[in-house]
C-alpha atoms as a PDB file:
ATOM      1  CA  UNK A   1      93.982 131.471  95.356  1.00  0.00           C
ATOM      2  CA  UNK A   2      93.802 128.005  96.954  1.00  0.00           C
ATOM      3  CA  UNK A   3      95.472 127.294 100.222  1.00  0.00           C
ATOM      4  CA  UNK A   4      98.642 125.281 100.505  1.00  0.00           C
ATOM      5  CA  UNK A   5      96.595 122.479 101.902  1.00  0.00           C
ATOM      6  CA  UNK A   6      94.167 122.592  98.941  1.00  0.00           C
ATOM      7  CA  UNK A   7      96.944 122.536  96.313  1.00  0.00           C
ATOM      8  CA  UNK A   8      98.702 119.530  98.022  1.00  0.00           C
ATOM      9  CA  UNK A   9      95.518 117.659  98.339  1.00  0.00           C
ATOM     10  CA  UNK A  10      94.923 118.391  94.478  1.00  0.00           C
ATOM     11  CA  UNK A  11      98.229 116.992  94.103  1.00  0.00           C
ATOM     12  CA  UNK A  12      97.335 113.979  96.094  1.00  0.00           C
ATOM     13  CA  UNK A  13      94.142 113.215  94.145  1.00  0.00           C
ATOM     14  CA  UNK A  14      95.171 114.280  90.593  1.00  0.00           C
ATOM     15  CA  UNK A  15      98.714 112.777  90.511  1.00  0.00           C
ATOM     16  CA  UNK A  16      99.437 111.160  87.187  1.00  0.00           C
ATOM     17  CA  UNK A  17     102.524 109.902  85.539  1.00  0.00           C
ATOM     18  CA  UNK A  18     103.870 111.141  82.252  1.00  0.00           C
ATOM     19  CA  UNK A  19     104.510 108.410  79.501  1.00  0.00           C
ATOM     20  CA  UNK A  20     108.026 107.069  79.555  1.00  0.00           C
ATOM     21  CA  UNK A  21     110.258 104.008  80.000  1.00  0.00           C
ATOM     22  CA  UNK A  22     112.029 105.228  83.092  1.00  0.00           C
ATOM     23  CA  UNK A  23     111.063 104.962  86.519  1.00  0.00           C
ATOM     24  CA  UNK A  24     108.598 107.795  87.509  1.00  0.00           C
ATOM     25  CA  UNK A  25     107.089 109.325  90.512  1.00  0.00           C
ATOM     26  CA  UNK A  26     104.544 112.055  91.141  1.00  0.00           C
ATOM     27  CA  UNK A  27     103.856 113.851  94.538  1.00  0.00           C
ATOM     28  CA  UNK A  28     105.108 116.041  97.073  1.00  0.00           C
ATOM     29  CA  UNK A  29     107.239 116.342 100.207  1.00  0.00           C
ATOM     30  CA  UNK A  30     109.821 118.180 102.368  1.00  0.00           C
ATOM     31  CA  UNK A  31     113.249 117.786 100.611  1.00  0.00           C
ATOM     32  CA  UNK A  32     115.092 118.159 103.835  1.00  0.00           C
ATOM     33  CA  UNK A  33     114.853 120.068 107.079  1.00  0.00           C
ATOM     34  CA  UNK A  34     118.090 120.427 109.282  1.00  0.00           C
ATOM     35  CA  UNK A  35     117.841 121.010 113.227  1.00  0.00           C
ATOM     36  CA  UNK A  36     120.314 122.308 115.582  1.00  0.00           C
ATOM     37  CA  UNK A  37     120.587 118.927 117.166  1.00  0.00           C
ATOM     38  CA  UNK A  38     122.320 117.789 113.990  1.00  0.00           C
ATOM     39  CA  UNK A  39     119.246 115.589 112.943  1.00  0.00           C
ATOM     40  CA  UNK A  40     117.565 116.196 109.507  1.00  0.00           C
ATOM     41  CA  UNK A  41     114.294 115.014 108.407  1.00  0.00           C
ATOM     42  CA  UNK A  42     112.644 114.719 104.959  1.00  0.00           C
ATOM     43  CA  UNK A  43     109.293 113.440 103.879  1.00  0.00           C
ATOM     44  CA  UNK A  44     108.125 112.015 100.517  1.00  0.00           C
ATOM     45  CA  UNK A  45     104.605 111.351  99.513  1.00  0.00           C
ATOM     46  CA  UNK A  46     104.166 109.710  96.059  1.00  0.00           C
ATOM     47  CA  UNK A  47     100.381 108.872  95.451  1.00  0.00           C
ATOM     48  CA  UNK A  48     101.437 107.267  92.162  1.00  0.00           C
ATOM     49  CA  UNK A  49     104.618 105.605  90.844  1.00  0.00           C
ATOM     50  CA  UNK A  50     105.523 103.473  87.951  1.00  0.00           C
ATOM     51  CA  UNK A  51     107.403 100.669  90.065  1.00  0.00           C
ATOM     52  CA  UNK A  52     104.594  99.997  92.667  1.00  0.00           C
ATOM     53  CA  UNK A  53     101.993 101.203  94.757  1.00  0.00           C
ATOM     54  CA  UNK A  54     101.710 104.815  96.033  1.00  0.00           C
ATOM     55  CA  UNK A  55     103.757 105.377  99.404  1.00  0.00           C
ATOM     56  CA  UNK A  56     104.993 107.709 102.053  1.00  0.00           C
ATOM     57  CA  UNK A  57     108.508 107.854 103.350  1.00  0.00           C
ATOM     58  CA  UNK A  58     110.451 109.625 106.113  1.00  0.00           C
ATOM     59  CA  UNK A  59     114.209 110.075 105.881  1.00  0.00           C
ATOM     60  CA  UNK A  60     116.073 110.718 109.119  1.00  0.00           C
ATOM     61  CA  UNK A  61     119.798 111.588 109.587  1.00  0.00           C
ATOM     62  CA  UNK A  62     121.049 111.151 113.070  1.00  0.00           C
ATOM     63  CA  UNK A  63     123.890 113.522 114.282  1.00  0.00           C
ATOM     64  CA  UNK A  64     126.454 110.792 113.737  1.00  0.00           C
ATOM     65  CA  UNK A  65     125.870 111.271 110.027  1.00  0.00           C
ATOM     66  CA  UNK A  66     123.897 107.933 109.562  1.00  0.00           C
ATOM     67  CA  UNK A  67     120.681 107.699 107.626  1.00  0.00           C
ATOM     68  CA  UNK A  68     117.442 105.593 107.957  1.00  0.00           C
ATOM     69  CA  UNK A  69     114.476 105.705 105.527  1.00  0.00           C
ATOM     70  CA  UNK A  70     111.298 104.639 106.929  1.00  0.00           C
ATOM     71  CA  UNK A  71     108.495 103.765 104.333  1.00  0.00           C
ATOM     72  CA  UNK A  72     105.088 102.193 104.258  1.00  0.00           C
ATOM     73  CA  UNK A  73     106.088 100.210 101.167  1.00  0.00           C
ATOM     74  CA  UNK A  74     108.945  97.747 100.663  1.00  0.00           C
ATOM     75  CA  UNK A  75     112.349  98.964 100.070  1.00  0.00           C
ATOM     76  CA  UNK A  76     112.177  97.547  96.477  1.00  0.00           C
ATOM     77  CA  UNK A  77     109.473  99.885  95.436  1.00  0.00           C
ATOM     78  CA  UNK A  78     110.175 102.911  97.602  1.00  0.00           C
ATOM     79  CA  UNK A  79     112.950 105.267  98.101  1.00  0.00           C
ATOM     80  CA  UNK A  80     115.469 102.674  99.416  1.00  0.00           C
ATOM     81  CA  UNK A  81     115.363 101.429  95.799  1.00  0.00           C
ATOM     82  CA  UNK A  82     117.705 104.350  94.997  1.00  0.00           C
ATOM     83  CA  UNK A  83     119.472 105.342  98.156  1.00  0.00           C
ATOM     84  CA  UNK A  84     119.864 102.262 100.414  1.00  0.00           C
ATOM     85  CA  UNK A  85     123.648 101.863  99.544  1.00  0.00           C
ATOM     86  CA  UNK A  86     124.251 105.006 101.813  1.00  0.00           C
ATOM     87  CA  UNK A  87     121.904 104.156 104.522  1.00  0.00           C
ATOM     88  CA  UNK A  88     122.461 102.460 107.877  1.00  0.00           C
ATOM     89  CA  UNK A  89     118.882 100.836 107.708  1.00  0.00           C
ATOM     90  CA  UNK A  90     115.556 100.774 105.945  1.00  0.00           C
ATOM     91  CA  UNK A  91     112.373 100.092 107.881  1.00  0.00           C
ATOM     92  CA  UNK A  92     109.004  99.284 106.561  1.00  0.00           C
ATOM     93  CA  UNK A  93     106.293 100.820 108.919  1.00  0.00           C
ATOM     94  CA  UNK A  94     103.052 102.772 109.109  1.00  0.00           C
ATOM     95  CA  UNK A  95     103.332 106.536 108.507  1.00  0.00           C
ATOM     96  CA  UNK A  96     100.635 109.198 108.865  1.00  0.00           C
ATOM     97  CA  UNK A  97     100.674 112.581 107.325  1.00  0.00           C
ATOM     98  CA  UNK A  98      97.856 114.889 108.495  1.00  0.00           C
ATOM     99  CA  UNK A  99      96.922 118.223 107.318  1.00  0.00           C
ATOM    100  CA  UNK A 100      96.045 120.242 110.455  1.00  0.00           C
ATOM    101  CA  UNK A 101      95.308 123.531 108.833  1.00  0.00           C
ATOM    102  CA  UNK A 102      95.658 125.484 105.599  1.00  0.00           C
ATOM    103  CA  UNK A 103      99.474 125.533 105.753  1.00  0.00           C
ATOM    104  CA  UNK A 104     100.197 123.047 108.590  1.00  0.00           C
ATOM    105  CA  UNK A 105     100.642 119.235 108.743  1.00  0.00           C
ATOM    106  CA  UNK A 106     101.863 116.592 111.108  1.00  0.00           C
ATOM    107  CA  UNK A 107     103.836 113.420 110.542  1.00  0.00           C
ATOM    108  CA  UNK A 108     103.781 110.482 112.780  1.00  0.00           C
ATOM    109  CA  UNK A 109     105.534 107.228 113.181  1.00  0.00           C
ATOM    110  CA  UNK A 110     104.458 105.126 116.156  1.00  0.00           C
ATOM    111  CA  UNK A 111     105.964 102.104 117.808  1.00  0.00           C
ATOM    112  CA  UNK A 112     109.591 101.951 118.582  1.00  0.00           C
ATOM    113  CA  UNK A 113     110.551 104.769 116.301  1.00  0.00           C
ATOM    114  CA  UNK A 114     108.015 107.207 118.084  1.00  0.00           C
ATOM    115  CA  UNK A 115     108.392 110.185 115.669  1.00  0.00           C
ATOM    116  CA  UNK A 116     106.220 113.222 115.888  1.00  0.00           C
ATOM    117  CA  UNK A 117     106.841 116.023 113.489  1.00  0.00           C
ATOM    118  CA  UNK A 118     104.869 119.199 112.989  1.00  0.00           C
ATOM    119  CA  UNK A 119     105.555 121.936 110.311  1.00  0.00           C
ATOM    120  CA  UNK A 120     104.076 125.233 109.121  1.00  0.00           C
ATOM    121  CA  UNK A 121     104.689 126.200 105.452  1.00  0.00           C
ATOM    122  CA  UNK A 122     104.946 129.739 104.188  1.00  0.00           C
ATOM    123  CA  UNK A 123     104.885 131.431 100.738  1.00  0.00           C
ATOM    124  CA  UNK A 124     107.308 134.442 100.117  1.00  0.00           C
ATOM    125  CA  UNK A 125     108.127 136.582  97.083  1.00  0.00           C
ATOM    126  CA  UNK A 126     110.785 134.172  96.180  1.00  0.00           C
ATOM    127  CA  UNK A 127     108.854 131.039  96.186  1.00  0.00           C
ATOM    128  CA  UNK A 128     106.082 132.579  94.340  1.00  0.00           C
ATOM    129  CA  UNK A 129     108.444 133.884  91.692  1.00  0.00           C
ATOM    130  CA  UNK A 130     110.065 130.284  91.522  1.00  0.00           C
ATOM    131  CA  UNK A 131     106.487 128.742  91.243  1.00  0.00           C
ATOM    132  CA  UNK A 132     105.479 130.961  88.499  1.00  0.00           C
ATOM    133  CA  UNK A 133     108.665 130.290  86.508  1.00  0.00           C
ATOM    134  CA  UNK A 134     108.475 126.562  87.012  1.00  0.00           C
ATOM    135  CA  UNK A 135     104.679 126.327  86.074  1.00  0.00           C
ATOM    136  CA  UNK A 136     105.531 128.139  82.678  1.00  0.00           C
ATOM    137  CA  UNK A 137     108.162 125.387  81.731  1.00  0.00           C
ATOM    138  CA  UNK A 138     107.131 122.759  79.378  1.00  0.00           C
ATOM    139  CA  UNK A 139     107.528 119.275  80.839  1.00  0.00           C
ATOM    140  CA  UNK A 140     109.988 118.508  78.056  1.00  0.00           C
ATOM    141  CA  UNK A 141     112.446 121.149  79.343  1.00  0.00           C
ATOM    142  CA  UNK A 142     112.492 119.476  82.804  1.00  0.00           C
ATOM    143  CA  UNK A 143     113.477 116.215  81.037  1.00  0.00           C
ATOM    144  CA  UNK A 144     116.752 117.943  80.133  1.00  0.00           C
ATOM    145  CA  UNK A 145     119.583 117.261  82.323  1.00  0.00           C
ATOM    146  CA  UNK A 146     121.665 120.363  81.297  1.00  0.00           C
ATOM    147  CA  UNK A 147     118.480 122.547  82.203  1.00  0.00           C
ATOM    148  CA  UNK A 148     118.175 120.872  85.450  1.00  0.00           C
ATOM    149  CA  UNK A 149     121.850 121.334  86.428  1.00  0.00           C
ATOM    150  CA  UNK A 150     121.538 125.009  85.577  1.00  0.00           C
ATOM    151  CA  UNK A 151     118.428 125.311  87.585  1.00  0.00           C
ATOM    152  CA  UNK A 152     119.935 123.615  90.532  1.00  0.00           C
ATOM    153  CA  UNK A 153     123.112 125.751  90.458  1.00  0.00           C
ATOM    154  CA  UNK A 154     120.986 128.901  90.265  1.00  0.00           C
ATOM    155  CA  UNK A 155     118.107 127.905  92.705  1.00  0.00           C
ATOM    156  CA  UNK A 156     120.516 127.115  95.725  1.00  0.00           C
ATOM    157  CA  UNK A 157     121.771 130.539  96.253  1.00  0.00           C
ATOM    158  CA  UNK A 158     118.578 132.163  95.315  1.00  0.00           C
ATOM    159  CA  UNK A 159     116.670 130.103  97.970  1.00  0.00           C
ATOM    160  CA  UNK A 160     119.554 130.353 100.559  1.00  0.00           C
ATOM    161  CA  UNK A 161     119.492 126.498 100.783  1.00  0.00           C
ATOM    162  CA  UNK A 162     123.123 125.746 100.064  1.00  0.00           C
ATOM    163  CA  UNK A 163     123.861 123.528  97.039  1.00  0.00           C
ATOM    164  CA  UNK A 164     120.902 121.875  95.273  1.00  0.00           C
ATOM    165  CA  UNK A 165     121.093 118.824  92.851  1.00  0.00           C
ATOM    166  CA  UNK A 166     118.225 118.264  90.569  1.00  0.00           C
ATOM    167  CA  UNK A 167     120.130 115.736  88.534  1.00  0.00           C
ATOM    168  CA  UNK A 168     122.821 113.215  88.953  1.00  0.00           C
ATOM    169  CA  UNK A 169     123.470 109.796  90.437  1.00  0.00           C
ATOM    170  CA  UNK A 170     121.867 108.505  93.535  1.00  0.00           C
ATOM    171  CA  UNK A 171     123.786 105.915  95.802  1.00  0.00           C
ATOM    172  CA  UNK A 172     122.453 102.743  94.117  1.00  0.00           C
ATOM    173  CA  UNK A 173     123.836 104.023  90.858  1.00  0.00           C
ATOM    174  CA  UNK A 174     120.765 105.095  88.862  1.00  0.00           C
ATOM    175  CA  UNK A 175     120.525 108.544  87.354  1.00  0.00           C
ATOM    176  CA  UNK A 176     117.883 111.017  88.639  1.00  0.00           C
ATOM    177  CA  UNK A 177     115.965 114.003  87.595  1.00  0.00           C
ATOM    178  CA  UNK A 178     113.864 116.070  90.011  1.00  0.00           C
ATOM    179  CA  UNK A 179     111.147 118.152  88.470  1.00  0.00           C
ATOM    180  CA  UNK A 180     109.733 120.652  91.061  1.00  0.00           C
ATOM    181  CA  UNK A 181     106.454 122.679  90.020  1.00  0.00           C
ATOM    182  CA  UNK A 182     105.489 124.523  93.124  1.00  0.00           C
ATOM    183  CA  UNK A 183     107.236 125.300  96.307  1.00  0.00           C
ATOM    184  CA  UNK A 184     107.024 126.733  99.730  1.00  0.00           C
ATOM    185  CA  UNK A 185     109.373 127.230 102.516  1.00  0.00           C
ATOM    186  CA  UNK A 186     109.101 125.545 105.976  1.00  0.00           C
ATOM    187  CA  UNK A 187     108.557 128.525 108.310  1.00  0.00           C
ATOM    188  CA  UNK A 188     108.325 126.643 111.541  1.00  0.00           C
ATOM    189  CA  UNK A 189     108.818 123.162 112.691  1.00  0.00           C
ATOM    190  CA  UNK A 190     109.191 120.958 115.759  1.00  0.00           C
ATOM    191  CA  UNK A 191     110.096 117.217 115.995  1.00  0.00           C
ATOM    192  CA  UNK A 192     110.690 114.802 118.728  1.00  0.00           C
ATOM    193  CA  UNK A 193     112.159 111.240 118.348  1.00  0.00           C
ATOM    194  CA  UNK A 194     111.472 108.634 121.203  1.00  0.00           C
ATOM    195  CA  UNK A 195     110.626 111.586 123.292  1.00  0.00           C
ATOM    196  CA  UNK A 196     113.659 113.621 122.593  1.00  0.00           C
ATOM    197  CA  UNK A 197     113.190 117.087 121.168  1.00  0.00           C
ATOM    198  CA  UNK A 198     115.226 117.802 117.910  1.00  0.00           C
ATOM    199  CA  UNK A 199     115.701 121.312 118.696  1.00  0.00           C
ATOM    200  CA  UNK A 200     115.194 124.459 116.488  1.00  0.00           C
ATOM    201  CA  UNK A 201     115.764 124.766 112.689  1.00  0.00           C
ATOM    202  CA  UNK A 202     119.409 125.335 111.764  1.00  0.00           C
ATOM    203  CA  UNK A 203     121.688 124.637 108.667  1.00  0.00           C
ATOM    204  CA  UNK A 204     124.210 121.969 109.306  1.00  0.00           C
ATOM    205  CA  UNK A 205     127.748 122.915 109.778  1.00  0.00           C
ATOM    206  CA  UNK A 206     128.577 120.922 106.744  1.00  0.00           C
ATOM    207  CA  UNK A 207     125.864 120.247 104.141  1.00  0.00           C
ATOM    208  CA  UNK A 208     124.990 116.654 103.763  1.00  0.00           C
ATOM    209  CA  UNK A 209     123.919 114.650 100.628  1.00  0.00           C
ATOM    210  CA  UNK A 210     123.117 111.074  99.479  1.00  0.00           C
ATOM    211  CA  UNK A 211     125.052 110.601  96.105  1.00  0.00           C
ATOM    212  CA  UNK A 212     124.365 113.787  94.037  1.00  0.00           C
ATOM    213  CA  UNK A 213     121.317 114.531  95.961  1.00  0.00           C
ATOM    214  CA  UNK A 214     122.180 117.485  98.242  1.00  0.00           C
ATOM    215  CA  UNK A 215     119.897 117.932 101.283  1.00  0.00           C
ATOM    216  CA  UNK A 216     118.826 121.561 101.295  1.00  0.00           C
ATOM    217  CA  UNK A 217     120.023 123.732 104.400  1.00  0.00           C
ATOM    218  CA  UNK A 218     116.637 125.191 104.855  1.00  0.00           C
ATOM    219  CA  UNK A 219     113.325 123.528 104.652  1.00  0.00           C
ATOM    220  CA  UNK A 220     111.707 123.400 101.174  1.00  0.00           C
ATOM    221  CA  UNK A 221     108.338 121.768 100.290  1.00  0.00           C
ATOM    222  CA  UNK A 222     107.838 120.744  96.815  1.00  0.00           C
ATOM    223  CA  UNK A 223     105.087 119.576  94.488  1.00  0.00           C
ATOM    224  CA  UNK A 224     106.387 117.914  91.388  1.00  0.00           C
ATOM    225  CA  UNK A 225     107.713 114.752  89.869  1.00  0.00           C
ATOM    226  CA  UNK A 226     110.976 112.799  89.738  1.00  0.00           C
ATOM    227  CA  UNK A 227     112.291 109.930  87.486  1.00  0.00           C
ATOM    228  CA  UNK A 228     115.180 107.465  87.721  1.00  0.00           C
ATOM    229  CA  UNK A 229     116.853 105.339  85.113  1.00  0.00           C
ATOM    230  CA  UNK A 230     115.280 101.856  84.938  1.00  0.00           C
ATOM    231  CA  UNK A 231     116.867  99.335  87.089  1.00  0.00           C
ATOM    232  CA  UNK A 232     119.751  97.401  85.410  1.00  0.00           C
ATOM    233  CA  UNK A 233     121.123  94.675  87.626  1.00  0.00           C
ATOM    234  CA  UNK A 234     124.560  95.011  85.864  1.00  0.00           C
ATOM    235  CA  UNK A 235     125.003  98.752  86.636  1.00  0.00           C
ATOM    236  CA  UNK A 236     122.776  99.302  89.806  1.00  0.00           C
ATOM    237  CA  UNK A 237     122.782  98.104  93.294  1.00  0.00           C
ATOM    238  CA  UNK A 238     119.617  96.268  94.661  1.00  0.00           C
ATOM    239  CA  UNK A 239     117.324  97.972  97.082  1.00  0.00           C
ATOM    240  CA  UNK A 240     118.678  96.212 100.201  1.00  0.00           C
ATOM    241  CA  UNK A 241     122.205  96.901  99.767  1.00  0.00           C
ATOM    242  CA  UNK A 242     123.665  98.796 102.782  1.00  0.00           C
ATOM    243  CA  UNK A 243     120.482  98.507 104.828  1.00  0.00           C
ATOM    244  CA  UNK A 244     118.000  96.133 106.661  1.00  0.00           C
ATOM    245  CA  UNK A 245     114.348  96.254 105.847  1.00  0.00           C
END
């Protein structure tokens, strides 16, 4: 069986978008990772999207509850397109993601941000069973909102990750559909922000969310796709709402 690193690199180089008229993304990332300091980190790497060039983003929640999204693409064509209404700020900057081993990677943002983040992924009976089940589902099934709602409701307790939302509405008003295909747990991780260690992995006292997207209470790394309603200025907020970029 291929290593986690090899599977992720396959996803990087073979990423493709299904036909459609909505806004589509294909890639991988850490859905959310809470620390005992109250910080939460998340990472997204989308080699291909239907709204612009591929990009990498890092989401940071501070203990105060405020969120910042860092991305190496402008807010209008990255995660802020959907989440900026609930962000304190959006920042465009260089981000590096380096695979340091078969199951380990490091994320780095330099400059004034000065974020270093390392993680080790692990496969378990639960993640392997979930991956087999997800791989067997036709793509059309993962476009069904009822199916995604059921999957989210069932998967949260099974994964011991709190509430999971695979479909719903994001802060800027668009509907979203998350379509996971393969998954692993984050078994170990350490991070420092501006030289300050974020501590050990620990669920938040109260689970946090951005719109209907609930941040898992344990680290989950996914390969898959996501889609959002096409932007409608009459119904959706622009990417810069609630943040500075």
